[in-house]
Amino acid sequence: MRTALVIGTGLIGTSAALTLQSRGVTVHLADHDPEQARMAAALGAGTDEPPIGTVDLAIVAVPPAHVAATLADAMRRGLARAYLDVASVKAGPRRELEELGLDLSTYIGTHPMSGKERSGPLAATADLFEGRPWVLTPTRETDTEVLNLALELVALCRAVPVVMDADAHDRAVALVSHMPHLVSSMVAARLENAEEAAVRLCGQGIRDVTRIAASDPRMWIDILSANPGPVADLLADVAADLDETVSALRALQSSDEAKRRDGATGIETVLRRGNAGQVRVPGKHGSAPTAYETVAVLISDQPGQLARIFADAGMAGVNIEDVRIEHATGQQAGVVQLFVDPKVAPALAGALRERGWALRQ
């Protein structure tokens, strides 16, 4: 791939452009808002000048509702040898293209499973897709050259290609992305009118659950409008679980011992089902989940503290697998949780104590 055209310079489009530009591909940028394309160009994602002649690959990075129309326009103008989109739903746009009677041998639907709460070109990074799954949905019509160009894009972005049927993809993202986002938003909505004293007690748990609720509602309306059925089916299942959980909690309030036992059994069931589902979430780089041990280090909110901890862990020969920061309420201090292989946790704890760090038991 020597040339590419990115149509839509939001988070995903600009991130892909930044990656391709850094790998030596000449990238042209287009957007319905020329100012946004100019901003992406200023960030080093390519040029907002139109290409002269046909590019190798056109990447359509617009909201799902506009994918088919944007692709159809690009195809009719003959802008590229191959076309793909990166929308978070796949079956709907393809059906729309079929209804328009277009030759779909030059097109493949794709979806990089990566993103942020923030949107727009300023949130884009060249490493956004590294190590993340990138779904490809080829059909029997898809030309081999088109599939190869899509695979080259995934490789240049250092993502992991996953081939799926379009409908299966839409059901999958409803489960792992779209439904959780709505549930997160509903939990976060409980905080909107909560008493300030209660909100001040927020800890890492509520931050984890509500983090994705910070995303742009307009973007999510576009996404959910393109995949409403599978998401509604999943939420109906969640609603049934909620009804059972509410009944179990009410039973725990009963003065009847038998009802309280039934209530406790009901709550234990939902918690154990949660345990069983959570352990299926893939670990680092999509590998099987790994049980890590936590070394909790107390830090002050001062420049360089995290760098010192990482440097001291490195000097101890310990690889930090993951990290989480808990900020203390009302204080310029917090706790850094270092997730490491259980075999090296005692050595790391000892090394950090020797270097003057206070550890939380």
Protein backbone atom coordinates (compact mmCIF):
# COMPACT_ATOMS: atom_id res chain seq x y z
CA MET A 1 0.00 0.00 0.00
CA ARG A 2 1.49 3.32 -1.10
CA THR A 3 -1.48 5.68 -0.96
CA ALA A 4 -4.66 5.92 1.08
CA LEU A 5 -7.65 8.21 1.42
CA VAL A 6 -9.24 8.55 4.86
CA ILE A 7 -12.79 9.89 4.70
CA GLY A 8 -13.83 11.06 8.15
CA THR A 9 -11.19 12.52 10.45
CA GLY A 10 -12.56 11.71 13.87
CA LEU A 11 -10.79 9.56 16.47
CA ILE A 12 -10.63 6.34 14.43
CA GLY A 13 -9.98 7.88 11.02
CA THR A 14 -7.26 10.20 12.26
CA SER A 15 -5.62 7.46 14.33
CA ALA A 16 -5.49 5.19 11.27
CA ALA A 17 -4.10 8.07 9.19
CA LEU A 18 -1.43 8.84 11.78
CA THR A 19 -0.36 5.19 11.78
CA LEU A 20 -0.23 4.88 7.99
CA GLN A 21 1.62 8.18 7.62
CA SER A 22 4.22 7.00 10.13
CA ARG A 23 4.67 3.78 8.12
CA GLY A 24 5.48 5.66 4.91
CA VAL A 25 2.03 5.60 3.26
CA THR A 26 0.91 8.84 1.59
CA VAL A 27 -2.40 9.69 3.26
CA HIS A 28 -5.06 12.07 1.95
CA LEU A 29 -7.71 13.34 4.36
CA ALA A 30 -11.32 14.30 3.67
CA ASP A 31 -14.19 15.26 5.93
CA HIS A 32 -17.61 16.89 5.59
CA ASP A 33 -16.10 19.53 7.91
CA PRO A 34 -12.98 20.82 6.11
CA GLU A 35 -11.72 22.42 9.32
CA GLN A 36 -11.56 19.00 11.00
CA ALA A 37 -9.59 17.58 8.08
CA ARG A 38 -7.18 20.54 8.29
CA MET A 39 -6.77 19.89 12.01
CA ALA A 40 -5.94 16.23 11.38
CA ALA A 41 -3.42 17.30 8.73
CA ALA A 42 -1.83 19.74 11.16
CA LEU A 43 -1.41 16.85 13.60
CA GLY A 44 0.67 15.00 11.02
CA ALA A 45 -2.02 12.58 9.81
CA GLY A 46 -1.54 13.43 6.12
CA THR A 47 -2.64 16.10 3.68
CA ASP A 48 -6.10 17.55 3.23
CA GLU A 49 -5.35 18.03 -0.46
CA PRO A 50 -7.37 15.64 -2.68
CA PRO A 51 -5.42 12.80 -4.29
CA ILE A 52 -4.39 13.00 -7.93
CA GLY A 53 -5.62 9.78 -9.51
CA THR A 54 -6.74 6.58 -7.80
CA VAL A 55 -5.42 5.66 -4.34
CA ASP A 56 -4.76 2.11 -3.23
CA LEU A 57 -7.24 2.10 -0.33
CA ALA A 58 -10.12 4.32 0.79
CA ILE A 59 -10.94 4.10 4.50
CA VAL A 60 -14.42 5.36 5.36
CA ALA A 61 -14.53 6.42 9.02
CA VAL A 62 -17.94 8.07 9.36
CA PRO A 63 -20.94 7.29 11.63
CA PRO A 64 -22.83 4.07 10.73
CA ALA A 65 -25.83 5.95 9.33
CA HIS A 66 -23.62 7.64 6.72
CA VAL A 67 -21.37 4.71 5.77
CA ALA A 68 -23.35 3.42 2.79
CA ALA A 69 -23.90 6.84 1.22
CA THR A 70 -20.26 7.83 1.70
CA LEU A 71 -18.99 4.54 0.27
CA ALA A 72 -21.40 4.74 -2.67
CA ASP A 73 -20.20 8.23 -3.53
CA ALA A 74 -16.53 7.20 -3.31
CA MET A 75 -17.10 4.09 -5.42
CA ARG A 76 -19.01 5.93 -8.13
CA ARG A 77 -16.20 8.47 -8.35
CA GLY A 78 -13.60 5.70 -8.60
CA LEU A 79 -11.45 7.14 -5.82
CA ALA A 80 -9.67 3.89 -4.88
CA ARG A 81 -8.79 0.35 -5.92
CA ALA A 82 -10.29 -0.96 -2.67
CA TYR A 83 -12.73 0.36 -0.08
CA LEU A 84 -13.40 -0.44 3.56
CA ASP A 85 -15.26 1.12 6.45
CA VAL A 86 -14.47 1.03 10.16
CA ALA A 87 -17.98 1.47 11.57
CA SER A 88 -19.00 -0.44 14.69
CA VAL A 89 -21.85 -2.24 12.89
CA LYS A 90 -21.44 -4.25 9.75
CA ALA A 91 -24.60 -5.93 8.45
CA GLY A 92 -26.73 -2.80 7.95
CA PRO A 93 -24.29 -0.78 5.80
CA ARG A 94 -23.59 -3.79 3.59
CA ARG A 95 -27.30 -4.38 2.99
CA GLU A 96 -27.72 -0.71 2.08
CA LEU A 97 -24.88 -0.99 -0.44
CA GLU A 98 -26.46 -4.10 -1.95
CA GLU A 99 -29.77 -2.27 -2.32
CA LEU A 100 -27.94 0.49 -4.20
CA GLY A 101 -26.79 -2.10 -6.72
CA LEU A 102 -23.07 -1.44 -6.31
CA ASP A 103 -20.28 -3.85 -7.19
CA LEU A 104 -19.13 -5.01 -3.75
CA SER A 105 -16.11 -7.00 -4.92
CA THR A 106 -13.93 -3.98 -4.12
CA TYR A 107 -15.38 -3.49 -0.60
CA ILE A 108 -14.88 -5.12 2.79
CA GLY A 109 -16.50 -4.15 6.08
CA THR A 110 -14.13 -3.90 9.05
CA HIS A 111 -14.24 -2.79 12.68
CA PRO A 112 -11.21 -2.03 14.86
CA MET A 113 -12.15 -2.89 18.46
CA SER A 114 -10.50 0.15 19.94
CA GLY A 115 -11.56 3.59 21.06
CA LYS A 116 -11.67 6.20 23.81
CA GLU A 117 -14.24 8.16 25.76
CA ARG A 118 -13.06 11.24 23.86
CA SER A 119 -13.73 11.75 20.16
CA GLY A 120 -12.34 13.92 17.38
CA PRO A 121 -8.90 14.25 15.81
CA LEU A 122 -7.29 15.73 18.91
CA ALA A 123 -7.93 12.45 20.75
CA ALA A 124 -6.26 10.38 18.01
CA THR A 125 -3.00 8.48 18.52
CA ALA A 126 -0.87 6.38 16.19
CA ASP A 127 -0.85 3.47 18.65
CA LEU A 128 -4.61 3.30 19.21
CA PHE A 129 -4.99 -0.10 17.53
CA GLU A 130 -1.85 -1.86 18.74
CA GLY A 131 -2.64 -5.33 20.05
CA ARG A 132 -6.39 -4.81 19.61
CA PRO A 133 -8.72 -7.07 17.59
CA TRP A 134 -9.67 -5.70 14.15
CA VAL A 135 -12.68 -7.51 12.70
CA LEU A 136 -12.86 -8.21 8.96
CA THR A 137 -16.13 -9.35 7.37
CA PRO A 138 -15.31 -10.60 3.86
CA THR A 139 -17.90 -12.39 1.73
CA ARG A 140 -17.61 -14.67 -1.29
CA GLU A 141 -17.77 -11.53 -3.44
CA THR A 142 -14.75 -9.89 -1.81
CA ASP A 143 -11.80 -9.67 -4.18
CA THR A 144 -8.58 -11.23 -2.88
CA GLU A 145 -6.64 -8.01 -3.48
CA VAL A 146 -9.16 -6.09 -1.34
CA LEU A 147 -8.84 -8.58 1.50
CA ASN A 148 -5.05 -8.39 1.27
CA LEU A 149 -5.09 -4.58 1.43
CA ALA A 150 -7.35 -4.74 4.49
CA LEU A 151 -4.96 -7.22 6.13
CA GLU A 152 -2.04 -4.94 5.28
CA LEU A 153 -3.83 -2.04 6.97
CA VAL A 154 -4.39 -4.16 10.08
CA ALA A 155 -0.73 -5.22 10.08
CA LEU A 156 0.52 -1.65 9.68
CA CYS A 157 -1.68 -0.63 12.64
CA ARG A 158 -0.23 -3.60 14.60
CA ALA A 159 -3.72 -4.87 15.34
CA VAL A 160 -4.92 -8.49 15.38
CA PRO A 161 -7.12 -9.55 12.44
CA VAL A 162 -10.33 -11.44 13.29
CA VAL A 163 -12.55 -12.74 10.48
CA MET A 164 -16.29 -12.88 11.23
CA ASP A 165 -19.68 -12.94 9.55
CA ALA A 166 -21.26 -9.45 9.58
CA ASP A 167 -24.40 -10.48 11.50
CA ALA A 168 -22.35 -12.46 14.03
CA HIS A 169 -20.15 -9.40 14.51
CA ASP A 170 -23.16 -7.19 15.24
CA ARG A 171 -24.48 -9.62 17.85
CA ALA A 172 -21.02 -9.84 19.41
CA VAL A 173 -20.47 -6.08 19.72
CA ALA A 174 -23.98 -5.71 21.14
CA LEU A 175 -22.83 -8.03 23.95
CA VAL A 176 -19.32 -6.72 24.62
CA SER A 177 -19.69 -3.02 23.74
CA HIS A 178 -23.14 -1.58 23.03
CA MET A 179 -25.14 -3.11 25.89
CA PRO A 180 -22.40 -2.46 28.51
CA HIS A 181 -22.29 1.18 27.43
CA LEU A 182 -25.99 1.64 28.11
CA VAL A 183 -25.74 -0.15 31.45
CA SER A 184 -22.80 2.08 32.40
CA SER A 185 -24.84 5.14 31.46
CA MET A 186 -27.80 3.97 33.53
CA VAL A 187 -25.56 3.45 36.58
CA ALA A 188 -23.93 6.85 36.07
CA ALA A 189 -27.38 8.46 35.77
CA ARG A 190 -28.04 7.47 39.40
CA LEU A 191 -25.31 9.97 40.36
CA GLU A 192 -26.86 12.92 38.53
CA ASN A 193 -29.10 14.05 41.38
CA ALA A 194 -27.38 12.21 44.23
CA GLU A 195 -26.42 14.11 47.37
CA GLU A 196 -22.95 15.65 47.23
CA ALA A 197 -21.95 13.80 50.40
CA ALA A 198 -22.69 10.49 48.70
CA VAL A 199 -20.85 11.39 45.49
CA ARG A 200 -17.75 12.33 47.46
CA LEU A 201 -17.52 8.71 48.58
CA CYS A 202 -16.99 7.46 45.01
CA GLY A 203 -14.15 4.97 44.81
CA GLN A 204 -12.48 2.94 42.11
CA GLY A 205 -15.44 0.59 41.73
CA ILE A 206 -17.90 3.26 40.62
CA ARG A 207 -15.20 4.86 38.45
CA ASP A 208 -14.64 1.54 36.67
CA VAL A 209 -18.35 0.95 36.10
CA THR A 210 -19.11 4.49 34.84
CA ARG A 211 -15.93 5.29 32.88
CA ILE A 212 -17.41 4.65 29.43
CA ALA A 213 -20.52 6.67 30.27
CA ALA A 214 -18.41 9.78 29.56
CA SER A 215 -18.57 9.15 25.79
CA ASP A 216 -20.30 11.48 23.33
CA PRO A 217 -24.08 10.75 23.36
CA ARG A 218 -24.48 11.86 19.73
CA MET A 219 -21.94 9.29 18.58
CA TRP A 220 -23.67 6.56 20.56
CA ILE A 221 -27.09 7.42 19.20
CA ASP A 222 -25.64 6.78 15.73
CA ILE A 223 -24.15 3.47 16.84
CA LEU A 224 -27.22 2.19 18.68
CA SER A 225 -29.55 3.26 15.89
CA ALA A 226 -27.65 0.92 13.59
CA ASN A 227 -27.82 -2.11 15.95
CA PRO A 228 -30.99 -1.72 18.07
CA GLY A 229 -32.39 -5.25 17.91
CA PRO A 230 -29.48 -7.25 19.38
CA VAL A 231 -28.91 -4.60 22.06
CA ALA A 232 -32.60 -4.59 23.04
CA ASP A 233 -32.58 -8.41 23.31
CA LEU A 234 -29.59 -8.32 25.65
CA LEU A 235 -31.05 -5.54 27.79
CA ALA A 236 -34.25 -7.57 28.12
CA ASP A 237 -32.13 -10.40 29.58
CA VAL A 238 -30.41 -7.94 31.92
CA ALA A 239 -33.82 -6.60 32.96
CA ALA A 240 -34.97 -10.12 33.82
CA ASP A 241 -31.84 -10.61 35.94
CA LEU A 242 -32.51 -7.26 37.64
CA ASP A 243 -36.08 -8.27 38.47
CA GLU A 244 -34.85 -11.49 40.06
CA THR A 245 -32.13 -9.63 41.97
CA VAL A 246 -34.57 -7.04 43.28
CA SER A 247 -36.88 -9.83 44.46
CA ALA A 248 -33.96 -11.53 46.19
CA LEU A 249 -32.96 -8.32 47.96
CA ARG A 250 -36.55 -7.73 49.10
CA ALA A 251 -36.58 -11.26 50.46
CA LEU A 252 -33.48 -10.46 52.51
CA GLN A 253 -35.56 -7.81 54.29
CA SER A 254 -38.18 -10.35 55.35
CA SER A 255 -38.66 -11.46 58.91
CA ASP A 256 -39.24 -14.97 57.60
CA GLU A 257 -36.03 -17.01 57.87
CA ALA A 258 -36.88 -19.20 54.88
CA LYS A 259 -37.44 -16.15 52.66
CA ARG A 260 -34.14 -14.65 53.80
CA ARG A 261 -32.35 -17.89 52.89
CA ASP A 262 -33.99 -17.84 49.46
CA GLY A 263 -32.96 -14.20 49.03
CA ALA A 264 -29.36 -14.95 49.97
CA THR A 265 -29.32 -17.86 47.52
CA GLY A 266 -30.62 -15.60 44.77
CA ILE A 267 -27.94 -12.97 45.40
CA GLU A 268 -25.22 -15.63 45.58
CA THR A 269 -26.39 -17.04 42.25
CA VAL A 270 -26.11 -13.72 40.41
CA LEU A 271 -22.71 -12.99 41.97
CA ARG A 272 -21.37 -16.43 41.04
CA ARG A 273 -22.71 -16.07 37.50
CA GLY A 274 -20.84 -12.76 37.38
CA ASN A 275 -17.67 -14.51 38.51
CA ALA A 276 -18.09 -17.14 35.81
CA GLY A 277 -18.58 -14.53 33.10
CA GLN A 278 -15.76 -12.26 34.24
CA VAL A 279 -13.11 -14.99 34.06
CA ARG A 280 -13.92 -15.40 30.35
CA VAL A 281 -12.80 -11.84 29.59
CA PRO A 282 -9.49 -12.17 27.70
CA GLY A 283 -6.28 -11.08 29.36
CA LYS A 284 -3.40 -9.08 27.89
CA HIS A 285 -3.09 -9.17 24.10
CA GLY A 286 -6.22 -11.34 23.87
CA SER A 287 -4.57 -14.23 25.72
CA ALA A 288 -6.23 -16.38 28.37
CA PRO A 289 -6.99 -14.50 31.61
CA THR A 290 -4.12 -14.55 34.11
CA ALA A 291 -4.39 -14.18 37.86
CA TYR A 292 -2.02 -11.44 39.03
CA GLU A 293 -1.05 -10.43 42.54
CA THR A 294 -1.40 -6.80 43.60
CA VAL A 295 1.35 -4.80 45.26
CA ALA A 296 -0.24 -1.58 46.57
CA VAL A 297 2.08 1.41 46.97
CA LEU A 298 1.15 4.64 48.76
CA ILE A 299 2.18 7.77 46.82
CA SER A 300 1.83 11.51 47.10
CA ASP A 301 0.42 13.51 44.20
CA GLN A 302 3.74 14.96 43.06
CA PRO A 303 5.54 14.98 39.70
CA GLY A 304 7.72 11.96 38.99
CA GLN A 305 6.24 9.58 41.55
CA LEU A 306 4.95 7.05 39.00
CA ALA A 307 8.20 7.19 37.03
CA ARG A 308 10.15 6.41 40.21
CA ILE A 309 7.96 3.41 41.03
CA PHE A 310 8.31 1.98 37.53
CA ALA A 311 12.06 2.58 37.56
CA ASP A 312 12.43 0.88 40.95
CA ALA A 313 10.35 -2.09 39.76
CA GLY A 314 12.57 -2.31 36.68
CA MET A 315 15.72 -2.27 38.81
CA ALA A 316 14.21 -5.16 40.78
CA GLY A 317 13.81 -7.06 37.49
CA VAL A 318 10.00 -7.16 37.75
CA ASN A 319 7.64 -6.64 34.82
CA ILE A 320 4.49 -4.73 35.73
CA GLU A 321 1.60 -6.43 33.92
CA ASP A 322 -1.02 -3.77 34.69
CA VAL A 323 -1.49 -0.72 36.90
CA ARG A 324 -4.37 1.08 38.57
CA ILE A 325 -4.39 4.33 40.52
CA GLU A 326 -6.78 5.10 43.38
CA HIS A 327 -6.92 8.75 44.42
CA ALA A 328 -7.66 9.47 48.06
CA THR A 329 -10.77 11.59 48.62
CA GLY A 330 -9.88 15.14 49.63
CA GLN A 331 -6.14 14.46 49.81
CA GLN A 332 -3.17 14.95 47.50
CA ALA A 333 -2.30 11.29 47.79
CA GLY A 334 -3.34 7.90 46.54
CA VAL A 335 -2.52 4.25 46.02
CA VAL A 336 -0.88 2.72 42.96
CA GLN A 337 -1.86 -0.91 42.49
CA LEU A 338 0.84 -2.83 40.60
CA PHE A 339 -0.38 -6.10 39.08
CA VAL A 340 2.46 -8.61 38.76
CA ASP A 341 3.13 -12.33 38.43
CA PRO A 342 2.41 -13.87 41.88
CA LYS A 343 5.88 -15.48 41.93
CA VAL A 344 7.63 -12.10 41.86
CA ALA A 345 5.24 -10.14 44.12
CA PRO A 346 7.20 -10.76 47.38
CA ALA A 347 10.48 -9.71 45.73
CA LEU A 348 8.88 -6.53 44.34
CA ALA A 349 7.34 -5.65 47.70
CA GLY A 350 10.69 -6.12 49.43
CA ALA A 351 12.57 -4.08 46.83
CA LEU A 352 10.12 -1.20 47.03
CA ARG A 353 10.28 -1.12 50.83
CA GLU A 354 14.09 -1.01 50.64
CA ARG A 355 13.80 2.02 48.38
CA GLY A 356 11.61 3.85 50.87
CA TRP A 357 8.11 3.19 49.52
CA ALA A 358 5.22 2.61 51.93
CA LEU A 359 3.07 -0.36 50.98
CA ARG A 360 -0.57 -0.93 51.85
CA GLN A 361 -1.29 -4.38 53.25
